[in-house]
């Protein structure tokens, strides 16, 4: 699945970018890499991916708030 996510993510699919970020965050199918996870998550947020809001504790957070929350999650 990671190969398909990566291909779609590189083509600009924000949903694939989100799931690829989660894969890197958890080490699911790839070597765990928080820096890469944050980079893909940032691209997903900037692409308007609605699933990113599920990680947020805020209602209707800004893109900057989503990225900051994900960076904090990835730092744990």
Protein backbone atom coordinates (compact mmCIF):
# COMPACT_ATOMS: atom_id res chain seq x y z
CA UNK A 1 0.00 0.00 0.00
CA UNK A 2 2.87 2.37 0.78
CA UNK A 3 4.13 2.19 -2.80
CA UNK A 4 0.72 3.20 -4.12
CA UNK A 5 0.45 6.00 -1.53
CA UNK A 6 3.91 7.28 -2.46
CA UNK A 7 3.14 7.31 -6.17
CA UNK A 8 -0.18 9.12 -5.65
CA UNK A 9 1.36 11.47 -3.07
CA UNK A 10 4.11 12.50 -5.45
CA UNK A 11 1.43 13.18 -8.06
CA UNK A 12 -0.23 15.63 -5.65
CA UNK A 13 -2.99 13.51 -4.10
CA UNK A 14 -3.47 15.04 -0.64
CA UNK A 15 -5.26 11.97 0.78
CA UNK A 16 -2.31 9.79 -0.24
CA UNK A 17 0.05 12.36 1.29
CA UNK A 18 -1.86 12.12 4.59
CA UNK A 19 -1.74 8.32 4.68
CA UNK A 20 1.92 8.29 3.65
CA UNK A 21 2.66 10.71 6.50
CA UNK A 22 0.92 8.37 8.95
CA UNK A 23 2.88 5.40 7.57
CA UNK A 24 6.16 7.21 8.20
CA UNK A 25 5.01 8.37 11.63
CA UNK A 26 4.15 4.82 12.73
CA UNK A 27 6.73 2.92 10.68
CA UNK A 28 3.97 1.00 8.89
CA UNK A 29 5.49 -0.47 5.73
CA UNK A 30 8.41 1.98 5.83
CA UNK A 31 11.18 2.80 8.25
CA UNK A 32 9.82 5.15 10.91
CA UNK A 33 10.90 8.68 10.08
CA UNK A 34 9.25 11.60 11.83
CA UNK A 35 10.96 14.23 9.70
CA UNK A 36 9.61 12.68 6.51
CA UNK A 37 6.20 12.21 8.15
CA UNK A 38 5.99 15.90 8.97
CA UNK A 39 7.01 16.85 5.42
CA UNK A 40 4.26 14.70 3.90
CA UNK A 41 1.73 15.88 6.44
CA UNK A 42 2.58 19.50 5.63
CA UNK A 43 1.99 18.81 1.92
CA UNK A 44 -1.34 17.14 2.73
CA UNK A 45 -2.48 20.11 4.82
CA UNK A 46 -1.37 22.57 2.17
CA UNK A 47 -3.25 20.50 -0.41
CA UNK A 48 -6.44 20.87 1.61
CA UNK A 49 -6.79 17.32 2.90
CA UNK A 50 -9.82 17.20 5.21
CA UNK A 51 -8.64 14.04 7.00
CA UNK A 52 -5.91 16.13 8.63
CA UNK A 53 -8.55 17.63 10.91
CA UNK A 54 -8.95 14.25 12.63
CA UNK A 55 -5.56 14.72 14.28
CA UNK A 56 -6.53 18.08 15.65
CA UNK A 57 -8.01 18.84 19.05
CA UNK A 58 -9.34 22.16 17.74
CA UNK A 59 -12.52 22.79 15.85
CA UNK A 60 -11.77 24.07 12.35
CA UNK A 61 -8.04 24.71 12.92
CA UNK A 62 -5.96 26.80 10.54
CA UNK A 63 -3.37 25.15 8.31
CA UNK A 64 -0.62 26.52 10.55
CA UNK A 65 -2.29 25.06 13.67
CA UNK A 66 -2.67 21.65 12.01
CA UNK A 67 0.98 21.59 11.02
CA UNK A 68 2.06 22.66 14.51
CA UNK A 69 -0.07 19.94 16.11
CA UNK A 70 1.30 17.30 13.80
CA UNK A 71 4.86 18.43 14.48
CA UNK A 72 4.16 18.08 18.21
CA UNK A 73 2.67 14.62 17.68
CA UNK A 74 5.66 13.55 15.62
CA UNK A 75 8.07 14.83 18.29
CA UNK A 76 6.62 12.52 20.99
